[in-house]
Protein backbone atom coordinates (compact mmCIF):
# COMPACT_ATOMS: atom_id res chain seq x y z
CA MET A 1 0.00 0.00 0.00
CA THR A 2 1.47 3.37 -1.05
CA PRO A 3 1.51 6.02 1.71
CA LYS A 4 -0.94 8.81 0.98
CA LYS A 5 0.07 12.47 0.94
CA ARG A 6 -2.06 15.56 1.12
CA LYS A 7 -2.06 17.17 -2.33
CA ASN A 8 -0.26 20.41 -3.13
CA PHE A 9 2.08 20.30 -0.16
CA VAL A 10 5.79 19.65 -0.48
CA THR A 11 8.10 19.74 2.53
CA PRO A 12 11.40 21.52 1.91
CA ALA A 13 14.21 18.96 1.95
CA SER A 14 16.04 20.88 4.65
CA ASP A 15 13.00 20.75 6.97
CA TYR A 16 12.61 17.01 6.53
CA THR A 17 16.34 16.41 7.06
CA SER A 18 16.23 18.36 10.32
CA PHE A 19 13.12 16.55 11.52
CA SER A 20 14.50 13.14 10.54
CA LYS A 21 17.64 13.87 12.57
CA ARG A 22 15.51 14.58 15.65
CA ILE A 23 13.64 11.31 15.20
CA ASP A 24 16.94 9.45 14.77
CA ASP A 25 18.11 10.92 18.08
CA CYS A 26 14.91 9.75 19.77
CA LYS A 27 15.34 6.27 18.27
CA PHE A 28 18.92 6.10 19.53
CA TYR A 29 17.99 6.92 23.14
CA LEU A 30 15.06 4.51 23.02
CA ARG A 31 16.97 1.65 21.43
CA GLU A 32 19.62 1.81 24.16
CA SER A 33 17.09 1.95 27.01
CA PRO A 34 15.82 -0.89 29.24
CA PHE A 35 12.33 0.48 28.55
CA TYR A 36 12.52 -0.48 24.87
CA GLN A 37 13.68 -4.01 25.71
CA GLU A 38 10.78 -4.34 28.13
CA VAL A 39 8.30 -3.23 25.46
CA LEU A 40 9.71 -5.82 23.04
CA SER A 41 9.51 -8.53 25.66
CA ALA A 42 5.95 -7.61 26.65
CA LEU A 43 4.80 -7.57 23.03
CA GLU A 44 6.33 -10.97 22.37
CA LYS A 45 4.61 -12.33 25.50
CA SER A 46 1.34 -10.80 24.31
CA LEU A 47 1.59 -12.64 21.00
CA GLU A 48 2.23 -15.89 22.86
CA THR A 49 -0.78 -15.28 25.12
CA VAL A 50 -3.16 -15.04 22.17
CA ASN A 51 -1.30 -17.78 20.31
CA VAL A 52 -0.25 -15.52 17.44
CA GLY A 53 3.03 -16.38 15.82
CA LYS A 54 3.33 -13.09 13.99
CA VAL A 55 1.58 -9.76 13.69
CA GLU A 56 1.98 -7.88 10.42
CA HIS A 57 -0.29 -4.86 10.78
CA CYS A 58 -0.29 -1.86 13.11
CA ILE A 59 -2.83 0.93 13.43
CA CYS A 60 -1.69 4.06 15.25
CA TYR A 61 -4.10 6.65 16.59
CA GLY A 62 -3.30 9.81 18.50
CA LEU A 63 0.38 10.64 17.98
CA GLY A 64 -0.35 14.35 18.23
CA ASN A 65 1.73 17.12 16.69
CA ILE A 66 5.07 15.45 15.97
CA SER A 67 6.61 18.68 14.69
CA SER A 68 6.18 20.55 17.97
CA SER A 69 5.85 17.95 20.74
CA VAL A 70 8.81 16.05 22.20
CA ILE A 71 6.37 13.47 23.62
CA SER A 72 4.90 12.86 20.16
CA ARG A 73 8.34 12.51 18.57
CA TYR A 74 9.43 9.87 21.07
CA GLN A 75 6.16 8.00 20.61
CA LEU A 76 6.71 8.10 16.84
CA ALA A 77 10.30 6.90 17.32
CA LEU A 78 9.08 3.90 19.34
CA LEU A 79 6.48 3.15 16.66
CA ILE A 80 9.20 3.15 13.99
CA LEU A 81 11.43 0.87 16.07
CA LEU A 82 8.57 -1.60 16.60
CA ARG A 83 7.63 -1.42 12.93
CA ASP A 84 11.17 -2.23 11.84
CA HIS A 85 11.65 -4.97 14.46
CA PHE A 86 8.39 -6.80 13.71
CA LYS A 87 8.19 -5.86 9.99
CA LEU A 88 4.83 -4.15 10.43
CA ASN A 89 2.68 -2.36 7.90
CA VAL A 90 1.59 0.82 9.74
CA ASP A 91 -1.50 3.03 9.28
CA VAL A 92 -1.58 6.33 11.19
CA TYR A 93 -4.16 8.99 11.97
CA ASP A 94 -4.64 11.95 14.24
CA PRO A 95 -7.12 14.74 13.50
CA VAL A 96 -4.54 17.31 14.65
CA PHE A 97 -1.87 16.33 12.10
CA LEU A 98 -0.64 19.32 10.11
CA PRO A 99 0.10 19.07 6.35
CA ILE A 100 3.84 19.13 7.03
CA GLU A 101 3.43 16.30 9.55
CA LEU A 102 1.49 14.18 7.06
CA ASP A 103 4.34 14.70 4.63
CA TYR A 104 6.91 13.67 7.25
CA LEU A 105 4.94 10.52 8.06
CA ALA A 106 4.59 9.61 4.39
CA LYS A 107 8.35 9.96 3.98
CA PHE A 108 8.74 7.59 6.95
CA GLU A 109 6.68 5.09 4.90
CA MET A 110 3.58 5.32 7.07
CA ASN A 111 0.17 4.85 5.45
CA ILE A 112 -2.04 7.86 6.19
CA ILE A 113 -5.64 7.06 7.11
CA ASP A 114 -7.64 9.66 5.19
CA ASN A 115 -10.61 10.11 7.54
CA ASN A 116 -11.42 10.24 11.22
CA GLU A 117 -12.54 6.70 12.08
CA GLU A 118 -13.14 7.64 15.74
CA GLY A 119 -11.54 4.29 16.58
CA LEU A 120 -14.35 2.39 14.85
CA ARG A 121 -12.04 0.14 12.83
CA LYS A 122 -13.06 -3.48 12.32
CA ILE A 123 -10.01 -5.67 12.97
CA THR A 124 -9.96 -8.91 10.98
CA SER A 125 -6.44 -10.19 11.59
CA PRO A 126 -3.93 -9.92 14.47
CA THR A 127 -3.16 -6.20 14.70
CA LEU A 128 -1.14 -4.03 17.05
CA MET A 129 -3.24 -1.04 18.08
CA TYR A 130 -0.68 1.62 18.99
CA MET A 131 -2.65 4.15 21.06
CA PRO A 132 -0.43 5.74 23.75
CA HIS A 133 -2.35 8.27 25.85
CA CYS A 134 -5.38 8.19 23.53
CA PRO A 135 -8.75 9.32 24.92
CA THR A 136 -10.69 6.62 26.76
CA ALA A 137 -13.59 7.07 24.33
CA LEU A 138 -11.37 6.09 21.40
CA MET A 139 -10.39 2.88 23.15
CA ASN A 140 -14.00 2.14 24.05
CA ASN A 141 -15.04 2.69 20.40
CA LEU A 142 -12.41 0.24 19.20
CA LEU A 143 -13.70 -2.44 21.55
CA TRP A 144 -17.32 -1.82 20.55
CA SER A 145 -16.48 -2.06 16.85
CA ASN A 146 -14.93 -5.49 17.49
CA TRP A 147 -17.42 -6.74 20.06
CA LEU A 148 -17.14 -10.43 19.13
CA PRO A 149 -14.89 -13.31 20.22
CA SER A 150 -12.62 -12.20 17.36
CA LEU A 151 -11.66 -9.31 19.64
CA SER A 152 -8.63 -11.51 20.28
CA ASN A 153 -7.20 -10.02 17.07
CA CYS A 154 -6.65 -6.71 18.88
CA ILE A 155 -3.33 -6.26 20.70
CA VAL A 156 -3.64 -2.88 22.38
CA PHE A 157 -0.76 -0.69 23.51
CA GLY A 158 -2.43 2.11 25.40
CA ASN A 159 -3.57 3.50 28.72
CA SER A 160 -3.72 0.86 31.44
CA PHE A 161 -7.19 -0.63 31.87
CA THR A 162 -6.31 -1.30 35.49
CA LEU A 163 -5.55 2.36 36.15
CA LEU A 164 -8.70 3.40 34.30
CA SER A 165 -10.75 1.09 36.52
CA GLU A 166 -9.13 2.65 39.59
CA THR A 167 -9.39 6.30 38.57
CA LEU A 168 -12.76 6.50 36.81
CA THR A 169 -15.98 6.23 38.75
CA GLU A 170 -17.94 3.00 38.39
CA ARG A 171 -20.84 5.06 37.05
CA ASP A 172 -18.69 6.52 34.24
CA LEU A 173 -17.27 3.11 33.40
CA LYS A 174 -20.73 1.55 33.16
CA THR A 175 -22.44 4.38 31.30
CA LYS A 176 -19.74 5.96 29.11
CA TYR A 177 -17.19 3.18 28.71
CA GLN A 178 -19.27 0.04 28.96
CA CYS A 179 -17.04 -2.04 26.69
CA ILE A 180 -13.89 -1.35 28.71
CA HIS A 181 -15.79 -2.08 31.92
CA SER A 182 -17.26 -5.34 30.58
CA ILE A 183 -14.10 -6.76 28.98
CA PHE A 184 -11.75 -5.82 31.81
CA PRO A 185 -12.25 -9.06 33.85
CA VAL A 186 -11.03 -11.22 30.93
CA THR A 187 -8.29 -8.86 29.73
CA CYS A 188 -4.69 -9.98 30.06
CA GLU A 189 -2.75 -6.80 30.86
CA LEU A 190 1.03 -6.59 30.78
CA ARG A 191 2.12 -3.46 32.59
CA ILE A 192 5.12 -1.63 31.15
CA GLU A 193 7.40 -0.20 33.82
CA ASN A 194 7.90 3.49 33.12
CA ASP A 195 11.65 3.62 33.57
CA PHE A 196 12.44 5.72 30.50
CA LYS A 197 14.52 8.79 31.24
CA TYR A 198 11.56 11.12 30.56
CA SER A 199 8.71 10.09 32.84
CA ASP A 200 5.85 11.82 30.99
CA ILE A 201 6.24 10.14 27.58
CA PHE A 202 5.28 6.52 28.22
CA ASN A 203 3.64 6.71 31.65
CA ASP A 204 0.63 4.57 32.60
CA LEU A 205 0.82 2.37 29.50
CA SER A 206 0.21 -1.36 29.17
CA LEU A 207 -0.16 -4.02 26.53
CA HIS A 208 -3.63 -5.56 26.57
CA VAL A 209 -4.71 -8.79 24.92
CA PHE A 210 -7.96 -10.70 24.96
CA PRO A 211 -7.26 -14.46 24.96
CA SER A 212 -9.58 -16.29 22.59
CA ASN A 213 -10.19 -19.17 25.02
CA ALA A 214 -11.49 -16.72 27.65
CA LEU A 215 -13.65 -14.88 25.12
CA LYS A 216 -15.20 -18.09 23.82
CA GLU A 217 -16.25 -19.07 27.33
CA LEU A 218 -18.35 -15.94 27.72
CA PRO A 219 -22.10 -16.51 27.30
CA PRO A 220 -23.75 -15.33 24.06
CA ALA A 221 -25.65 -12.69 26.02
CA PHE A 222 -22.35 -10.98 26.82
CA TRP A 223 -21.93 -9.98 23.16
CA GLU A 224 -25.54 -9.04 22.53
CA ASN A 225 -27.39 -5.74 22.80
CA VAL A 226 -24.33 -3.59 23.35
CA LYS A 227 -25.32 -0.20 21.97
CA LYS A 228 -22.98 2.05 20.04
CA PRO A 229 -21.33 4.42 22.53
CA ILE A 230 -22.61 7.99 22.68
CA TYR A 231 -20.59 10.62 24.50
CA ASP A 232 -21.29 14.05 25.85
CA ASP A 233 -18.92 16.36 23.93
CA CYS A 234 -18.05 18.33 27.04
CA ASP A 235 -16.93 15.19 28.89
CA VAL A 236 -14.79 13.50 26.23
CA GLU A 237 -11.32 14.43 24.93
CA CYS A 238 -11.84 12.56 21.65
CA ILE A 239 -12.05 14.76 18.51
CA THR A 240 -15.08 13.46 16.65
CA LYS A 241 -15.33 13.01 12.89
CA LYS A 242 -17.87 15.85 12.71
CA LEU A 243 -15.59 18.24 14.60
CA SER A 244 -12.48 17.35 12.56
CA GLU A 245 -14.40 17.87 9.29
CA THR A 246 -15.66 21.22 10.58
CA ASN A 247 -12.10 22.34 11.36
CA VAL A 248 -10.87 21.33 7.89
CA ASN A 249 -13.66 23.27 6.17
CA GLN A 250 -13.18 26.46 8.18
């Protein structure tokens, strides 16, 4: 699949060279860190847990503005390292991406998702969902869109479900984030120790998998009558498709 670029925008070569150098620096510090080795180990254990020999696809939501945010650049650097290590085909999207950032990502051989899916992507084969620090609603939408025993195809790198269950009220979990609340008891979560030198880049993240044997043991009623999530705009950090389209047209 050829990476998509936004038309009529060309990044000056000098800008891309400078940005690429910054990403290379981030990759260097990550590659030499115990944190990166722990992420690799946890991901390999996750694949073993769901009995997947290999994962070939990765979908990344929520990197943020990679041109201006150090956090975003390190998260992109980790994504590139994982892509190269596991030979992944990577699709990326964030409604805040600027034209220059889309061009950078295309040059890094990332496939640009051309619309705001709001996390509602149907996953049909083992896929790494790379979602560090994404809004809880986005995670909940992903689960709802795959609310079948085939949810085992989703390998989620994102905010810890355990921490979410401890910090959100039970009422919010049941009413706003029903899928996270319901699947949590059968989720296998591998916590990633946040020992990277910058504590605010990869904090509170875990790898989550949903073992197929546990999912198949759930009664049919568990998967039935789960309504599409609806959120109050003032309570949710997620940028909706409607809002992102409005911003583009302004």
